[in-house]
Protein backbone atom coordinates (compact mmCIF):
# COMPACT_ATOMS: atom_id res chain seq x y z
CA MET A 1 -40.64 -12.14 7.67
CA ARG A 2 -38.51 -14.64 5.74
CA VAL A 3 -35.21 -15.60 7.55
CA PHE A 4 -32.27 -15.06 5.37
CA PRO A 5 -30.20 -17.98 4.30
CA LYS A 6 -26.86 -18.81 5.45
CA LEU A 7 -24.23 -17.34 3.09
CA PRO A 8 -22.45 -20.46 1.32
CA ILE A 9 -18.99 -20.94 2.24
CA LEU A 10 -16.63 -21.77 -0.80
CA LEU A 11 -15.18 -25.42 -0.58
CA ILE A 12 -11.86 -25.75 -2.00
CA ALA A 13 -10.47 -28.66 -4.17
CA THR A 14 -6.87 -29.39 -3.64
CA SER A 15 -6.38 -29.24 -7.62
CA ALA A 16 -7.78 -25.75 -7.73
CA MET A 17 -4.55 -23.86 -7.81
CA ALA A 18 -4.35 -23.79 -11.54
CA LEU A 19 -7.86 -22.40 -12.22
CA THR A 20 -7.74 -19.48 -14.76
CA ALA A 21 -10.45 -16.67 -14.98
CA CYS A 22 -13.06 -16.96 -17.59
CA GLN A 23 -13.03 -13.95 -20.02
CA SER A 24 -15.91 -11.49 -19.23
CA ARG A 25 -18.93 -11.54 -21.40
CA ASP A 26 -18.67 -9.39 -24.42
CA GLN A 27 -22.36 -8.18 -24.15
CA ARG A 28 -23.52 -5.78 -21.14
CA ARG A 29 -26.45 -7.23 -19.35
CA GLN A 30 -29.69 -5.09 -19.60
CA GLU A 31 -31.79 -4.38 -16.82
CA LEU A 32 -35.30 -6.07 -16.14
CA ALA A 33 -38.19 -3.98 -17.34
CA TYR A 34 -39.52 -2.33 -14.17
CA VAL A 35 -42.43 -4.30 -12.59
CA GLU A 36 -42.86 -3.54 -9.25
CA ARG A 37 -42.84 -6.59 -6.92
CA PRO A 38 -42.68 -7.24 -3.22
CA VAL A 39 -38.95 -7.54 -2.11
CA GLU A 40 -39.32 -11.15 -0.94
CA GLN A 41 -40.73 -12.30 -3.94
CA LEU A 42 -37.79 -10.82 -6.01
CA TYR A 43 -35.06 -12.03 -3.51
CA ASN A 44 -36.71 -15.59 -3.48
CA GLN A 45 -36.77 -15.66 -7.28
CA ALA A 46 -33.15 -14.46 -7.61
CA ALA A 47 -32.11 -17.22 -4.85
CA SER A 48 -33.97 -19.73 -7.01
CA GLU A 49 -32.20 -18.74 -10.26
CA LEU A 50 -28.99 -18.87 -8.32
CA ASP A 51 -29.74 -22.64 -7.11
CA LYS A 52 -30.50 -23.42 -10.86
CA ARG A 53 -27.08 -21.72 -11.96
CA ASP A 54 -28.63 -19.35 -13.94
CA TYR A 55 -26.17 -16.82 -12.65
CA ASP A 56 -26.83 -14.02 -15.18
CA GLN A 57 -30.63 -14.11 -14.14
CA ALA A 58 -29.85 -14.20 -10.79
CA VAL A 59 -27.54 -11.12 -11.04
CA LEU A 60 -30.53 -9.34 -12.67
CA LEU A 61 -32.88 -10.25 -10.09
CA PHE A 62 -30.63 -9.26 -6.98
CA ASN A 63 -30.14 -6.00 -8.85
CA GLU A 64 -33.58 -5.63 -9.02
CA VAL A 65 -34.09 -5.87 -5.34
CA GLU A 66 -31.62 -3.20 -4.95
CA ARG A 67 -33.23 -0.95 -7.49
CA GLN A 68 -36.84 -1.42 -6.06
CA HIS A 69 -35.97 -1.63 -2.30
CA PRO A 70 -32.70 0.25 -2.10
CA TYR A 71 -33.03 0.92 1.69
CA SER A 72 -34.06 -2.54 2.80
CA GLU A 73 -32.02 -5.26 4.32
CA TRP A 74 -32.73 -7.36 1.50
CA ALA A 75 -30.81 -4.95 -0.81
CA ARG A 76 -27.70 -4.83 1.25
CA ARG A 77 -27.97 -8.60 1.28
CA SER A 78 -28.46 -8.87 -2.33
CA MET A 79 -25.39 -6.91 -3.19
CA VAL A 80 -23.32 -9.74 -1.51
CA MET A 81 -25.41 -12.39 -3.32
CA THR A 82 -24.80 -10.45 -6.81
CA ALA A 83 -20.86 -10.80 -6.02
CA PHE A 84 -21.24 -14.30 -5.23
CA ALA A 85 -23.11 -15.00 -8.41
CA HIS A 86 -20.26 -13.34 -10.46
CA TYR A 87 -17.90 -15.66 -8.50
CA GLN A 88 -19.79 -18.82 -9.35
CA SER A 89 -19.80 -17.78 -13.15
CA ARG A 90 -15.98 -17.06 -12.80
CA ASN A 91 -16.45 -13.35 -13.48
CA TYR A 92 -14.08 -12.60 -10.79
CA ASP A 93 -13.21 -8.91 -11.39
CA GLU A 94 -16.95 -8.22 -10.99
CA ALA A 95 -17.16 -10.57 -7.81
CA ILE A 96 -14.31 -8.56 -6.37
CA SER A 97 -15.72 -5.04 -7.27
CA GLY A 98 -19.29 -6.08 -6.11
CA ALA A 99 -17.78 -7.18 -2.87
CA GLN A 100 -15.74 -4.19 -2.44
CA ARG A 101 -18.89 -2.02 -3.36
CA TYR A 102 -20.62 -3.71 -0.44
CA LEU A 103 -17.79 -2.94 1.94
CA ALA A 104 -17.57 0.62 0.93
CA LEU A 105 -21.33 1.27 1.76
CA HIS A 106 -21.65 -1.22 4.55
CA PRO A 107 -18.18 -1.91 6.30
CA GLY A 108 -19.76 -2.97 9.53
CA GLY A 109 -22.69 -4.85 8.02
CA SER A 110 -23.37 -8.47 8.85
CA GLU A 111 -22.25 -9.71 5.60
CA ALA A 112 -18.97 -7.97 5.72
CA GLU A 113 -16.90 -11.21 6.68
CA TYR A 114 -18.41 -12.80 3.61
CA ALA A 115 -17.51 -9.93 1.39
CA TYR A 116 -14.04 -10.00 2.48
CA TYR A 117 -13.94 -13.59 1.90
CA LEU A 118 -15.35 -13.43 -1.68
CA ILE A 119 -12.81 -11.25 -2.47
CA ALA A 120 -9.86 -13.51 -1.19
CA ALA A 121 -11.51 -16.48 -2.91
CA SER A 122 -11.70 -14.64 -6.19
CA HIS A 123 -8.00 -13.90 -6.19
CA PHE A 124 -7.21 -17.48 -5.18
CA ASP A 125 -9.16 -18.91 -7.87
CA GLN A 126 -7.28 -17.08 -10.50
CA ILE A 127 -3.75 -18.27 -9.42
CA THR A 128 -1.84 -20.10 -12.29
CA ASP A 129 1.17 -22.10 -12.39
CA VAL A 130 4.36 -21.26 -10.58
CA GLY A 131 5.84 -20.33 -14.28
CA ARG A 132 4.09 -17.26 -14.43
CA ASP A 133 3.92 -13.75 -12.69
CA GLN A 134 2.66 -14.28 -9.00
CA GLY A 135 1.11 -11.00 -8.63
CA THR A 136 -2.50 -12.58 -8.55
CA THR A 137 -0.98 -15.26 -5.94
CA GLU A 138 0.34 -12.03 -3.89
CA ARG A 139 -2.96 -10.48 -4.00
CA ALA A 140 -4.63 -13.77 -2.90
CA ARG A 141 -2.16 -14.25 0.29
CA ASP A 142 -3.01 -10.49 1.33
CA ALA A 143 -6.56 -10.92 1.14
CA LEU A 144 -6.83 -14.26 2.85
CA MET A 145 -4.46 -12.95 5.67
CA ASP A 146 -7.00 -10.14 5.86
CA VAL A 147 -9.98 -12.50 6.48
CA ILE A 148 -8.09 -14.32 9.17
CA ARG A 149 -6.91 -11.03 10.77
CA ARG A 150 -10.32 -9.54 11.03
CA PHE A 151 -12.42 -12.40 11.61
CA PRO A 152 -10.10 -15.10 13.36
CA ASP A 153 -12.97 -17.21 14.82
CA SER A 154 -15.20 -17.64 11.89
CA GLN A 155 -15.54 -20.40 9.33
CA TYR A 156 -14.20 -18.19 6.60
CA ALA A 157 -11.06 -17.61 8.42
CA ARG A 158 -10.65 -21.63 8.73
CA ASP A 159 -11.15 -21.98 4.95
CA SER A 160 -8.84 -18.89 4.40
CA GLN A 161 -6.09 -20.52 6.30
CA VAL A 162 -6.29 -23.61 4.23
CA LYS A 163 -6.06 -21.69 1.29
CA LEU A 164 -3.39 -19.39 2.65
CA ASP A 165 -1.22 -22.65 3.11
CA MET A 166 -1.75 -23.49 -0.55
CA VAL A 167 -0.78 -19.92 -1.59
CA ARG A 168 2.40 -19.82 0.38
CA ASP A 169 3.56 -23.40 -1.17
CA GLN A 170 2.74 -21.65 -4.50
CA LEU A 171 5.04 -18.60 -3.57
CA ALA A 172 7.84 -20.69 -2.52
CA GLY A 173 7.55 -22.86 -5.61
CA LYS A 174 8.17 -19.80 -7.55
CA GLU A 175 11.23 -18.91 -5.60
CA MET A 176 12.38 -22.43 -6.06
CA THR A 177 11.79 -22.11 -9.74
CA VAL A 178 13.92 -19.20 -10.01
CA GLY A 179 16.62 -20.60 -7.67
CA ARG A 180 17.21 -23.51 -9.59
CA TRP A 181 17.51 -21.44 -12.85
CA TYR A 182 20.12 -19.26 -11.43
CA LEU A 183 21.97 -22.42 -10.01
CA ARG A 184 21.94 -24.00 -13.39
CA ASN A 185 23.38 -20.77 -14.92
CA ASN A 186 26.10 -20.60 -12.39
CA GLN A 187 24.51 -17.47 -10.89
CA THR A 188 25.15 -18.86 -7.33
CA LEU A 189 24.83 -15.97 -5.08
CA SER A 190 21.23 -15.00 -6.69
CA ALA A 191 20.45 -18.59 -6.20
CA ILE A 192 21.35 -18.58 -2.77
CA ASN A 193 18.86 -15.44 -2.13
CA ARG A 194 16.12 -17.47 -3.34
CA PHE A 195 16.64 -20.38 -1.29
CA ARG A 196 17.14 -18.43 1.80
CA THR A 197 13.93 -16.54 1.33
CA VAL A 198 11.98 -20.12 1.08
CA VAL A 199 13.79 -21.28 4.31
CA LYS A 200 13.11 -18.06 6.11
CA THR A 201 9.74 -17.07 5.00
CA TYR A 202 8.10 -20.21 3.68
CA ASP A 203 9.75 -22.75 6.30
CA THR A 204 6.65 -24.67 6.70
CA THR A 205 5.89 -25.30 2.97
CA SER A 206 6.69 -28.74 0.89
CA HIS A 207 9.53 -26.77 -0.61
CA ALA A 208 11.78 -26.16 2.55
CA PRO A 209 13.59 -29.29 2.66
CA GLU A 210 14.81 -28.88 -1.08
CA ALA A 211 15.58 -25.36 -0.31
CA LEU A 212 18.24 -26.39 2.34
CA HIS A 213 19.54 -28.99 0.27
CA ARG A 214 20.00 -26.62 -2.76
CA LEU A 215 21.77 -24.21 -0.23
CA VAL A 216 24.17 -27.06 0.52
CA GLU A 217 24.98 -27.35 -3.18
CA ALA A 218 25.43 -23.66 -3.52
CA TYR A 219 27.66 -23.15 -0.37
CA LEU A 220 29.85 -25.98 -1.37
CA THR A 221 30.18 -24.73 -4.84
CA LEU A 222 31.51 -21.57 -3.45
CA GLY A 223 33.75 -23.36 -1.16
CA LEU A 224 31.79 -22.19 1.80
CA ARG A 225 32.18 -25.30 3.92
CA ASP A 226 30.97 -24.02 7.20
CA GLN A 227 27.77 -22.54 6.02
CA ALA A 228 27.03 -25.85 3.86
CA LEU A 229 27.60 -27.95 7.05
CA ALA A 230 25.35 -25.59 9.17
CA VAL A 231 22.42 -26.01 6.63
CA GLY A 232 22.99 -29.81 6.02
CA SER A 233 22.98 -30.34 9.76
CA THR A 234 19.61 -28.30 10.05
CA LEU A 235 18.31 -30.41 6.91
CA GLY A 236 19.15 -33.43 8.82
CA TYR A 237 17.70 -32.36 12.34
CA ASN A 238 14.36 -31.30 10.67
CA TYR A 239 13.87 -33.73 7.87
CA PRO A 240 16.12 -36.70 8.90
CA ASP A 241 14.25 -39.28 6.44
CA SER A 242 13.85 -37.23 3.39
CA ASP A 243 15.50 -37.83 0.28
CA TRP A 244 16.96 -34.36 0.05
CA TYR A 245 18.84 -34.93 3.42
CA GLN A 246 20.40 -38.32 1.82
CA MET A 247 21.58 -36.19 -1.12
CA SER A 248 23.31 -33.55 1.00
CA TYR A 249 24.66 -35.92 3.59
CA ARG A 250 26.38 -37.61 0.54
CA LEU A 251 27.71 -34.17 -0.87
CA LEU A 252 28.95 -33.28 2.75
CA THR A 253 30.56 -36.64 3.53
CA ASN A 254 32.47 -36.66 0.11
CA GLU A 255 33.85 -33.37 1.29
CA GLY A 256 35.01 -34.80 4.54
CA LEU A 257 32.29 -33.01 6.39
CA ASP A 258 29.89 -34.75 8.85
CA PRO A 259 26.39 -32.98 9.25
CA GLU A 260 25.47 -35.21 12.25
CA ALA A 261 28.39 -34.06 14.46
CA LEU A 262 27.11 -30.63 14.99
CA ASP A 263 25.39 -29.95 18.49
CA GLY A 264 21.99 -28.20 18.53
CA GLU A 265 23.44 -25.05 19.84
CA THR A 266 26.46 -24.82 17.49
CA ARG A 267 23.97 -25.61 14.48
CA ARG A 268 21.33 -22.98 15.55
CA THR A 269 24.33 -20.41 16.01
CA LEU A 270 25.57 -20.93 12.56
CA LEU A 271 22.33 -20.70 10.87
CA GLN A 272 21.27 -17.67 12.37
CA ARG A 273 24.35 -16.23 10.91
CA ILE A 274 23.51 -17.55 7.45
CA ILE A 275 19.82 -16.81 7.49
CA PRO A 276 18.76 -14.46 10.22
CA GLY A 277 15.33 -15.03 11.35
CA GLY A 278 15.69 -18.71 9.94
CA LYS A 279 14.51 -21.62 12.16
């Protein structure tokens, strides 16, 4: 019997965060005329169409495998490959529903980890810029974490972790965008809440240094000198060579505060009071 091919892993590009979903096709796909064929022949033909990037035809043929040989291992495999073909043609909703259908019927199947990964990748590729609603980003985060939690040692978990880091950076960017808007419009307490979220929840992202600097600005605006000093000291400890620290250092020293004078224990104690759970 033919050996099943290895399921493809979806490689990412660092510029892929702004991808948008293509619109679904207006016409419903037709079923192929029923001509009974051996299962391997059907599956191989479907795989060949997939290789040629004729995704519509590949979907029809994978569906035909299911229709003619519904209880075979090839049919189970075809369900996942149908979802993958939809993904490749950027029919993300159909890719997600196809993968979910597989998981509903075969939760313990050998292709389950790939089905979970396809769901996560389909959400991930629909992420838009930080100026828009981040519901899709949050769904991508949850689905990626699901892959990592369920299959921690798989190749899909490794790729999901890379994607998850990008997703977390996106969510932090959204918090920063909103926080800056509040700061510009003198809604300082609301801005502080946004920047604190970045420091506490997204501390490993590229936005953490700016979030700490914005907190220094906000606390000084409110006259909360101890808080500004503690945050500025934390910024200097973690990102001593960053431009954000240089700006915070100037702000603090202009107020007669020295962020480098705090010892580590005092800095950590003050920061825990300001941002419980922060690092």
